[in-house]
Amino acid sequence: MPEITVPNIQQELNLKKLELSALLEITQAINENLPETALYKIYRFTLLAQLQISRLVLFVHDESWECKVCFGTEQDFTKHDMPDEILKLKEITRTSKLKIEKKWRAFEIVIPILHNGKVLAFVMIGKIQPYYTNMEALSFVQTVSNIMLVAIENHKLARQRLAQESIRREIEIAREVQSMLFPKSLPNDRDVTIHASYIPHSSIGGDYYDFIEIDADNFVFCVADVSGKGVPASLLMSNFQAGLRTILRQTADLNTVVAELNNLIYRNAIAEKFITMFLGLYNRKKRELSFVNAGHNSPILLHDDNTHRLLSEGCTMLGVFDVLPFLSVTRVNVPKNSVLLCYTDGLTEVFDEEEAEFGIEGTITFLQRNRYLSSKMLHLQLLREINLYNEEAALNDDITLLSCRFK
C-alpha cells in the first residue's frame, strides 16, 4: 500500500480548493444569466488561473465545429479544422497516442465533453502542472466544461423559445387581422344568395374573398389568391383589400378598378409576389354580370339546364407588369336559377392515389349533381368530396369557395 505523505495530502487539498473555487465562479456566472461570450471568458480565466492551465483551446459544435476559446498558443486555432482523429474521441486521451499534425501536439491532453451521450465540445490543454494531469483533475475540467456548455445550450433554447413565442404571437395577430378582411355578412335575399368558405392550409393564408355593396342595384364580389403563404402573403392581401375598397368608393368601372389594383400591387409587392383575382359586378335589375378574370381559376356559371360556362376572360395576373398588356371586361346575362362557383386552386389541385387531378372537370360534375343543395351544404359536400378523393393527401394550399345562387 503506497505511503500517504503530508505533501501528497496538501496537494490534494489544494487541488480540491481550486476545483471548488472554479466551480463556484462558473456557477455564479451561469446564475447571473451572462451572455455566451462572457461565459466563455470566465471559463477561460477560471481554468487558466484556478487550475493553472496555461495553454487551452475549446472547440464547440454549434451547427459546425467552432473554436470558442484559444489561449496560450502560437497558432490561431480559430482558423483550423479539427482532425478526424480527435473528432472520433469519446474519452480523455493524450495527444501522444494520436496520429495528428505537429501543431496539435502543442496540447498534451484532449478532453471530450459529453451530454446525454452526445459530444458537445473538445477541450485541449497543454503546459500543465504535473499534479493536474491525474485523472481526477482532468475529470473535473470535464465536469466544469460540461456544466458551462449545457448552461449555454439551455440559454440558447430559452432564447429560441422566446423567439418562437414572439413569432407565434405575431402570427396570431396577423391571423386576427386577416379574419377582419373577410366580410361580416353576405346577402341572402330575393335576388341572390352568396355563401363563402375559407380553409387555410397554414395558420395564415394568402386567399381572400369579399363582397361590397355599391348601391341598391349593384354589388361587387371578389375572390383572390396571393402567390406564397404566411405573413408576407397575408400583408399583401390586406394591402389589396384596402386598395379595392378605396378604389370602389371612387368608381365601380371595372377597367379602372383592375388597372389601379395592378398598379398598387406592382408598387407594393415584394419580389416574385403577385395576385390572381376574379372580380365580378352584378346588376340586380338587368341580371347582368360584368367581370374581369385576372389570371385566376375560371369560375363555373352553371345554368338551370345543367349547361355551364367558364368565366376566364380578363387580363393577366396582377403585380407582374407595371401596365397590364391587355384588359377586357366581359358582360354576361345570368338566367334565373343559375349558380356561380368561384374558388382558388387549392380546390382543384388535389390528386388521387394514381396522381389524377380532381380538377375543374370533377368540380363541374359535382356541381351538376348537387346544384339543388343549400349553399352551405353545397360547400360542405364539395370539401368532403375532395377529402375523399384522396384520403391520404393533406391539403397543399388554402381553399376558398364563394358561390352565388341567382334566383
Protein backbone atom coordinates (compact mmCIF):
# COMPACT_ATOMS: atom_id res chain seq x y z
CA MET A 1 0.00 0.00 0.00
CA PRO A 2 1.55 3.38 -1.02
CA GLU A 3 2.57 5.63 1.83
CA ILE A 4 0.41 8.70 2.30
CA THR A 5 2.69 11.65 2.82
CA VAL A 6 1.87 15.14 4.10
CA PRO A 7 2.89 16.81 0.77
CA ASN A 8 0.55 14.49 -1.15
CA ILE A 9 -2.33 15.30 1.19
CA GLN A 10 -1.57 19.02 0.93
CA GLN A 11 -1.52 18.82 -2.86
CA GLU A 12 -4.89 17.04 -2.86
CA LEU A 13 -6.36 19.67 -0.51
CA ASN A 14 -5.04 22.49 -2.67
CA LEU A 15 -6.50 20.86 -5.78
CA LYS A 16 -9.88 20.44 -4.11
CA LYS A 17 -9.88 24.11 -3.05
CA LEU A 18 -9.06 25.21 -6.59
CA GLU A 19 -11.73 22.93 -8.02
CA LEU A 20 -14.37 24.25 -5.63
CA SER A 21 -13.36 27.83 -6.40
CA ALA A 22 -13.54 27.15 -10.15
CA LEU A 23 -16.93 25.51 -9.80
CA LEU A 24 -18.21 28.44 -7.74
CA GLU A 25 -17.09 31.01 -10.32
CA ILE A 26 -18.67 29.13 -13.22
CA THR A 27 -21.92 28.56 -11.28
CA GLN A 28 -22.18 32.24 -10.30
CA ALA A 29 -21.60 33.33 -13.89
CA ILE A 30 -24.37 30.97 -15.09
CA ASN A 31 -26.78 32.17 -12.38
CA GLU A 32 -26.18 35.79 -13.37
CA ASN A 33 -27.51 34.85 -16.82
CA LEU A 34 -24.50 36.41 -18.55
CA PRO A 35 -24.24 36.34 -22.36
CA GLU A 36 -22.43 33.49 -24.09
CA THR A 37 -19.25 35.49 -24.81
CA ALA A 38 -18.95 36.49 -21.12
CA LEU A 39 -19.36 32.86 -20.01
CA TYR A 40 -16.57 31.75 -22.32
CA LYS A 41 -14.27 34.47 -20.91
CA ILE A 42 -14.99 33.46 -17.30
CA TYR A 43 -14.48 29.81 -18.23
CA ARG A 44 -11.10 30.64 -19.77
CA PHE A 45 -9.91 32.72 -16.82
CA THR A 46 -11.14 30.12 -14.37
CA LEU A 47 -9.18 27.28 -15.96
CA LEU A 48 -6.08 29.41 -16.53
CA ALA A 49 -6.00 30.98 -13.06
CA GLN A 50 -7.55 28.44 -10.70
CA LEU A 51 -6.29 25.22 -12.30
CA GLN A 52 -3.10 26.80 -13.66
CA ILE A 53 -3.66 25.59 -17.24
CA SER A 54 -1.58 27.85 -19.47
CA ARG A 55 -2.47 26.55 -22.92
CA LEU A 56 -6.07 25.96 -23.88
CA VAL A 57 -8.48 25.64 -26.79
CA LEU A 58 -12.17 24.85 -26.69
CA PHE A 59 -13.98 23.61 -29.80
CA VAL A 60 -17.78 23.62 -29.58
CA HIS A 61 -20.27 22.07 -32.00
CA ASP A 62 -22.70 24.82 -32.96
CA GLU A 63 -24.08 23.66 -36.34
CA SER A 64 -20.39 23.16 -37.21
CA TRP A 65 -17.25 22.89 -35.10
CA GLU A 66 -16.07 26.32 -33.92
CA CYS A 67 -13.12 27.33 -31.76
CA LYS A 68 -14.68 29.43 -28.98
CA VAL A 69 -11.61 29.75 -26.72
CA CYS A 70 -7.97 29.91 -27.82
CA PHE A 71 -5.24 30.93 -25.38
CA GLY A 72 -1.51 30.46 -24.90
CA THR A 73 -0.81 29.05 -28.37
CA GLU A 74 1.38 30.24 -31.22
CA GLN A 75 -1.21 29.07 -33.76
CA ASP A 76 -4.60 30.71 -34.18
CA PHE A 77 -6.77 27.62 -33.88
CA THR A 78 -9.92 29.53 -34.76
CA LYS A 79 -8.72 29.19 -38.38
CA HIS A 80 -8.08 25.43 -38.26
CA ASP A 81 -10.42 22.47 -38.60
CA MET A 82 -10.10 19.73 -36.02
CA PRO A 83 -8.53 16.46 -37.20
CA ASP A 84 -10.81 13.45 -37.63
CA GLU A 85 -8.65 11.57 -35.10
CA ILE A 86 -9.80 13.99 -32.40
CA LEU A 87 -13.43 14.11 -33.55
CA LYS A 88 -13.69 10.33 -33.00
CA LEU A 89 -12.72 10.54 -29.32
CA LYS A 90 -15.18 9.80 -26.53
CA GLU A 91 -12.67 9.53 -23.67
CA ILE A 92 -9.87 11.68 -22.22
CA THR A 93 -6.82 10.94 -24.39
CA ARG A 94 -3.18 12.03 -24.58
CA THR A 95 -2.25 13.57 -27.94
CA SER A 96 0.92 11.45 -27.99
CA LYS A 97 -1.35 8.47 -28.77
CA LEU A 98 -2.94 10.17 -31.79
CA LYS A 99 -1.80 10.42 -35.40
CA ILE A 100 -2.18 14.18 -35.80
CA GLU A 101 -0.21 17.09 -37.24
CA LYS A 102 2.57 18.65 -35.19
CA LYS A 103 0.62 21.85 -34.46
CA TRP A 104 -1.94 19.86 -32.47
CA ARG A 105 0.82 18.47 -30.24
CA ALA A 106 1.01 21.89 -28.60
CA PHE A 107 -1.60 20.24 -26.36
CA GLU A 108 -0.93 17.27 -24.15
CA ILE A 109 -4.46 16.13 -23.46
CA VAL A 110 -7.82 16.10 -25.28
CA ILE A 111 -10.95 16.08 -23.10
CA PRO A 112 -14.27 15.32 -24.85
CA ILE A 113 -17.30 16.98 -23.24
CA LEU A 114 -20.37 14.77 -23.49
CA HIS A 115 -24.03 15.32 -22.61
CA ASN A 116 -26.61 12.53 -22.99
CA GLY A 117 -24.06 10.53 -24.98
CA LYS A 118 -23.52 13.33 -27.50
CA VAL A 119 -20.15 15.12 -27.82
CA LEU A 120 -20.77 18.83 -27.28
CA ALA A 121 -17.17 20.01 -27.32
CA PHE A 122 -13.48 19.21 -27.05
CA VAL A 123 -11.14 20.86 -24.53
CA MET A 124 -7.43 20.63 -25.36
CA ILE A 125 -4.93 21.64 -22.71
CA GLY A 126 -1.14 21.95 -22.58
CA LYS A 127 1.73 23.05 -20.30
CA ILE A 128 0.00 21.66 -17.24
CA GLN A 129 1.41 21.35 -13.72
CA PRO A 130 2.20 17.65 -13.12
CA TYR A 131 -0.26 17.24 -10.26
CA TYR A 132 -3.08 18.46 -12.57
CA THR A 133 -2.58 15.62 -15.02
CA ASN A 134 -4.13 12.92 -12.83
CA MET A 135 -7.48 11.55 -13.95
CA GLU A 136 -9.42 13.15 -11.10
CA ALA A 137 -8.25 16.66 -12.01
CA LEU A 138 -8.91 16.09 -15.72
CA SER A 139 -12.37 14.74 -14.94
CA PHE A 140 -13.05 17.94 -13.05
CA VAL A 141 -12.09 20.01 -16.11
CA GLN A 142 -14.53 17.83 -17.99
CA THR A 143 -17.26 18.44 -15.38
CA VAL A 144 -16.76 22.23 -15.28
CA SER A 145 -16.81 22.37 -19.09
CA ASN A 146 -19.94 20.24 -19.23
CA ILE A 147 -21.78 22.46 -16.71
CA MET A 148 -20.92 25.60 -18.64
CA LEU A 149 -21.71 24.22 -22.10
CA VAL A 150 -25.04 22.72 -21.03
CA ALA A 151 -25.92 26.08 -19.44
CA ILE A 152 -25.07 27.88 -22.72
CA GLU A 153 -27.16 25.35 -24.65
CA ASN A 154 -30.08 25.89 -22.24
CA HIS A 155 -29.76 29.67 -22.69
CA LYS A 156 -29.93 29.20 -26.46
CA LEU A 157 -33.02 27.01 -26.18
CA ALA A 158 -34.64 29.56 -23.87
CA ARG A 159 -33.92 32.35 -26.37
CA GLN A 160 -35.31 30.19 -29.19
CA ARG A 161 -38.47 29.53 -27.18
CA LEU A 162 -38.90 33.27 -26.56
CA ALA A 163 -38.34 33.98 -30.28
CA GLN A 164 -40.83 31.27 -31.25
CA GLU A 165 -43.37 32.63 -28.78
CA SER A 166 -42.89 36.10 -30.24
CA ILE A 167 -43.40 34.73 -33.76
CA ARG A 168 -46.46 32.79 -32.57
CA ARG A 169 -47.96 36.00 -31.13
CA GLU A 170 -47.22 37.87 -34.36
CA ILE A 171 -48.87 35.11 -36.39
CA GLU A 172 -51.87 35.19 -34.07
CA ILE A 173 -52.20 38.94 -34.59
CA ALA A 174 -51.79 38.53 -38.36
CA ARG A 175 -54.47 35.82 -38.35
CA GLU A 176 -56.86 38.11 -36.46
CA VAL A 177 -56.14 40.93 -38.89
CA GLN A 178 -56.72 38.57 -41.82
CA SER A 179 -60.06 37.41 -40.41
CA MET A 180 -61.10 41.08 -40.27
CA LEU A 181 -60.58 41.33 -44.04
CA PHE A 182 -63.49 39.00 -44.76
CA PRO A 183 -67.00 40.49 -44.93
CA LYS A 184 -69.02 40.15 -41.73
CA SER A 185 -72.19 39.16 -43.62
CA LEU A 186 -73.18 38.03 -47.11
CA PRO A 187 -76.54 38.63 -48.83
CA ASN A 188 -79.37 36.16 -48.80
CA ASP A 189 -82.33 37.98 -50.31
CA ARG A 190 -84.96 37.65 -53.06
CA ASP A 191 -82.32 38.20 -55.80
CA VAL A 192 -79.24 36.28 -54.70
CA THR A 193 -77.69 34.08 -52.03
CA ILE A 194 -73.95 34.34 -51.56
CA HIS A 195 -72.03 31.94 -49.35
CA ALA A 196 -68.26 31.65 -48.73
CA SER A 197 -65.93 29.15 -47.10
CA TYR A 198 -62.25 29.58 -46.31
CA ILE A 199 -59.95 26.70 -45.30
CA PRO A 200 -56.36 27.91 -44.65
CA HIS A 201 -53.51 25.48 -45.33
CA SER A 202 -51.40 27.03 -42.54
CA SER A 203 -52.04 29.50 -39.72
CA ILE A 204 -52.07 32.38 -42.18
CA GLY A 205 -53.15 32.02 -45.77
CA GLY A 206 -52.98 34.03 -48.95
CA ASP A 207 -56.59 33.61 -50.10
CA TYR A 208 -59.23 36.31 -49.90
CA TYR A 209 -62.87 36.86 -50.75
CA ASP A 210 -65.04 39.96 -50.45
CA PHE A 211 -68.49 41.39 -51.03
CA ILE A 212 -69.08 45.16 -51.42
CA GLU A 213 -72.49 46.77 -51.87
CA ILE A 214 -72.22 49.63 -54.40
CA ASP A 215 -75.88 50.76 -54.33
CA ALA A 216 -79.38 49.25 -54.23
CA ASP A 217 -78.94 47.63 -57.64
CA ASN A 218 -75.21 46.79 -57.85
CA PHE A 219 -72.72 44.85 -55.78
CA VAL A 220 -69.16 43.67 -56.30
CA PHE A 221 -67.73 40.32 -55.22
CA CYS A 222 -64.18 39.10 -55.45
CA VAL A 223 -62.02 36.01 -54.92
CA ALA A 224 -58.22 36.39 -54.95
CA ASP A 225 -55.08 34.37 -54.25
CA VAL A 226 -51.60 35.69 -53.42
CA SER A 227 -48.58 33.69 -54.53
CA GLY A 228 -46.89 32.17 -51.48
CA LYS A 229 -48.16 31.75 -47.94
CA GLY A 230 -47.64 33.05 -44.44
CA VAL A 231 -47.25 36.59 -43.15
CA PRO A 232 -45.91 38.18 -46.41
CA ALA A 233 -48.89 36.84 -48.37
CA SER A 234 -51.29 38.00 -45.66
CA LEU A 235 -49.78 41.50 -45.60
CA LEU A 236 -50.02 41.85 -49.38
CA MET A 237 -53.61 40.64 -49.29
CA SER A 238 -54.54 43.20 -46.63
CA ASN A 239 -52.99 45.86 -48.87
CA PHE A 240 -55.04 44.55 -51.80
CA GLN A 241 -58.28 44.59 -49.78
CA ALA A 242 -57.72 48.16 -48.60
CA GLY A 243 -56.92 49.22 -52.18
CA LEU A 244 -60.01 47.54 -53.64
CA ARG A 245 -62.39 49.15 -51.16
CA THR A 246 -60.77 52.56 -51.54
CA ILE A 247 -60.97 52.46 -55.36
CA LEU A 248 -64.60 51.29 -55.29
CA ARG A 249 -65.56 54.36 -53.25
CA GLN A 250 -64.48 56.44 -56.24
CA THR A 251 -65.60 54.29 -59.17
CA ALA A 252 -67.19 50.93 -59.99
CA ASP A 253 -65.80 50.91 -63.55
CA LEU A 254 -64.02 47.54 -63.68
CA ASN A 255 -61.43 48.69 -66.21
CA THR A 256 -60.31 51.44 -63.85
CA VAL A 257 -60.58 49.29 -60.71
CA VAL A 258 -58.41 46.48 -62.11
CA ALA A 259 -55.82 48.84 -63.63
CA GLU A 260 -55.49 50.69 -60.32
CA LEU A 261 -55.23 47.45 -58.35
CA ASN A 262 -52.47 46.23 -60.68
CA ASN A 263 -50.56 49.47 -60.16
CA LEU A 264 -50.96 49.15 -56.38
CA ILE A 265 -49.71 45.55 -56.27
CA TYR A 266 -46.84 46.24 -58.69
CA ARG A 267 -45.59 49.07 -56.47
CA ASN A 268 -46.06 47.30 -53.14
CA ALA A 269 -45.39 43.60 -53.76
CA ILE A 270 -42.01 42.17 -52.82
CA ALA A 271 -40.09 40.09 -55.37
CA GLU A 272 -41.96 37.20 -57.01
CA LYS A 273 -45.26 38.09 -55.35
CA PHE A 274 -48.38 38.50 -57.48
CA ILE A 275 -52.14 38.13 -57.14
CA THR A 276 -54.69 36.25 -59.21
CA MET A 277 -58.24 37.56 -58.92
CA PHE A 278 -61.78 37.17 -60.14
CA LEU A 279 -63.76 40.41 -59.81
CA GLY A 280 -67.48 40.49 -60.57
CA LEU A 281 -70.00 43.34 -60.65
CA TYR A 282 -73.66 42.22 -60.62
CA ASN A 283 -76.64 44.40 -61.54
CA ARG A 284 -79.81 43.05 -59.91
CA LYS A 285 -82.26 44.83 -62.26
CA LYS A 286 -80.57 43.87 -65.52
CA ARG A 287 -79.48 40.43 -64.21
CA GLU A 288 -76.14 41.28 -65.81
CA LEU A 289 -72.75 40.14 -64.52
CA SER A 290 -69.67 42.15 -65.59
CA PHE A 291 -66.37 40.52 -64.70
CA VAL A 292 -62.60 40.52 -65.07
CA ASN A 293 -60.61 37.35 -64.52
CA ALA A 294 -57.01 38.32 -63.71
CA GLY A 295 -55.20 35.03 -64.24
CA HIS A 296 -57.44 33.26 -61.72
CA ASN A 297 -59.09 29.83 -61.84
CA SER A 298 -62.15 30.14 -64.06
CA PRO A 299 -65.40 30.35 -62.05
CA ILE A 300 -68.15 28.00 -63.19
CA LEU A 301 -71.51 29.51 -64.14
CA LEU A 302 -74.00 26.62 -64.10
CA HIS A 303 -77.38 27.20 -65.75
CA ASP A 304 -80.71 25.65 -64.82
CA ASP A 305 -80.42 23.06 -67.65
CA ASN A 306 -77.01 21.92 -66.26
CA THR A 307 -75.06 23.54 -69.10
CA HIS A 308 -72.17 25.67 -67.93
CA ARG A 309 -69.82 28.47 -68.92
CA LEU A 310 -66.29 29.11 -67.63
CA LEU A 311 -65.62 32.77 -66.87
CA SER A 312 -61.99 33.10 -67.97
CA GLU A 313 -61.79 36.41 -69.87
CA GLY A 314 -59.99 39.42 -68.43
CA CYS A 315 -56.28 40.03 -68.07
CA THR A 316 -53.06 38.59 -66.74
CA MET A 317 -52.34 38.29 -63.01
CA LEU A 318 -51.84 41.47 -61.01
CA GLY A 319 -48.46 42.84 -59.98
CA VAL A 320 -46.35 41.30 -62.75
CA PHE A 321 -46.37 44.27 -65.17
CA ASP A 322 -46.45 47.95 -64.33
CA VAL A 323 -49.16 48.33 -67.00
CA LEU A 324 -51.39 45.37 -67.90
CA PRO A 325 -50.64 44.27 -71.50
CA PHE A 326 -54.33 43.54 -72.12
CA LEU A 327 -57.54 44.04 -70.18
CA SER A 328 -61.15 43.31 -71.09
CA VAL A 329 -64.41 43.48 -69.18
CA THR A 330 -66.91 40.78 -70.16
CA ARG A 331 -70.67 41.04 -69.60
CA VAL A 332 -72.99 38.05 -69.42
CA ASN A 333 -76.70 37.71 -68.77
CA VAL A 334 -77.48 35.49 -65.80
CA PRO A 335 -80.66 33.39 -66.23
CA LYS A 336 -82.81 32.52 -63.24
CA ASN A 337 -81.72 29.59 -61.04
CA SER A 338 -78.10 29.87 -62.17
CA VAL A 339 -75.28 29.03 -59.75
CA LEU A 340 -71.84 30.59 -59.92
CA LEU A 341 -68.92 28.94 -58.09
CA CYS A 342 -65.69 30.89 -57.59
CA TYR A 343 -62.74 29.09 -55.99
CA THR A 344 -58.98 29.10 -55.56
CA ASP A 345 -56.59 26.47 -56.91
CA GLY A 346 -56.44 24.62 -53.58
CA LEU A 347 -59.80 23.10 -54.58
CA THR A 348 -58.92 21.68 -57.97
CA GLU A 349 -55.24 20.80 -57.39
CA VAL A 350 -55.99 17.69 -55.35
CA PHE A 351 -54.70 14.34 -56.64
CA ASP A 352 -55.81 10.77 -56.07
CA GLU A 353 -53.50 7.79 -55.48
CA GLU A 354 -52.88 7.49 -59.23
CA GLU A 355 -51.91 11.19 -59.48
CA ALA A 356 -55.11 12.07 -61.35
CA GLU A 357 -56.21 15.64 -60.57
CA PHE A 358 -59.68 16.37 -59.17
CA GLY A 359 -59.57 19.41 -61.45
CA ILE A 360 -62.23 21.59 -62.93
CA GLU A 361 -63.98 18.60 -64.56
CA GLY A 362 -64.51 16.99 -61.16
CA THR A 363 -65.82 20.29 -59.81
CA ILE A 364 -68.29 20.73 -62.70
CA THR A 365 -69.55 17.16 -62.31
CA PHE A 366 -70.04 17.71 -58.60
CA LEU A 367 -71.98 20.95 -59.20
CA GLN A 368 -74.26 19.34 -61.78
CA ARG A 369 -75.02 16.52 -59.36
CA ASN A 370 -75.58 18.68 -56.26
CA ARG A 371 -76.82 22.05 -57.57
CA TYR A 372 -80.05 21.97 -55.52
CA LEU A 373 -78.31 21.61 -52.14
CA SER A 374 -78.37 24.67 -49.91
CA SER A 375 -75.32 26.89 -50.35
CA LYS A 376 -73.87 25.84 -47.00
CA MET A 377 -74.38 22.12 -47.71
CA LEU A 378 -73.01 22.56 -51.24
CA HIS A 379 -69.73 23.84 -49.80
CA LEU A 380 -69.55 21.20 -47.07
CA GLN A 381 -70.21 18.38 -49.52
CA LEU A 382 -67.68 19.72 -52.02
CA LEU A 383 -64.97 19.93 -49.35
CA ARG A 384 -65.88 16.41 -48.23
CA GLU A 385 -65.68 15.22 -51.85
CA ILE A 386 -62.10 16.43 -52.31
CA ASN A 387 -61.07 14.96 -48.95
CA LEU A 388 -62.45 11.60 -50.04
CA TYR A 389 -60.77 11.94 -53.45
CA ASN A 390 -57.51 11.10 -51.76
CA GLU A 391 -57.92 10.31 -48.08
CA GLU A 392 -54.16 10.07 -47.61
CA ALA A 393 -53.41 13.54 -49.02
CA ALA A 394 -53.09 16.61 -46.87
CA LEU A 395 -54.20 19.91 -48.34
CA ASN A 396 -51.29 21.60 -50.11
CA ASP A 397 -52.86 25.03 -50.35
CA ASP A 398 -55.58 27.26 -48.97
CA ILE A 399 -59.09 26.61 -50.27
CA THR A 400 -61.60 29.41 -50.76
CA LEU A 401 -65.10 28.90 -52.12
CA LEU A 402 -67.60 31.62 -52.98
CA SER A 403 -70.92 30.66 -54.52
CA CYS A 404 -73.64 32.94 -55.87
CA ARG A 405 -77.12 31.47 -56.31
CA PHE A 406 -79.07 33.78 -58.62
CA LYS A 407 -82.84 33.43 -58.00
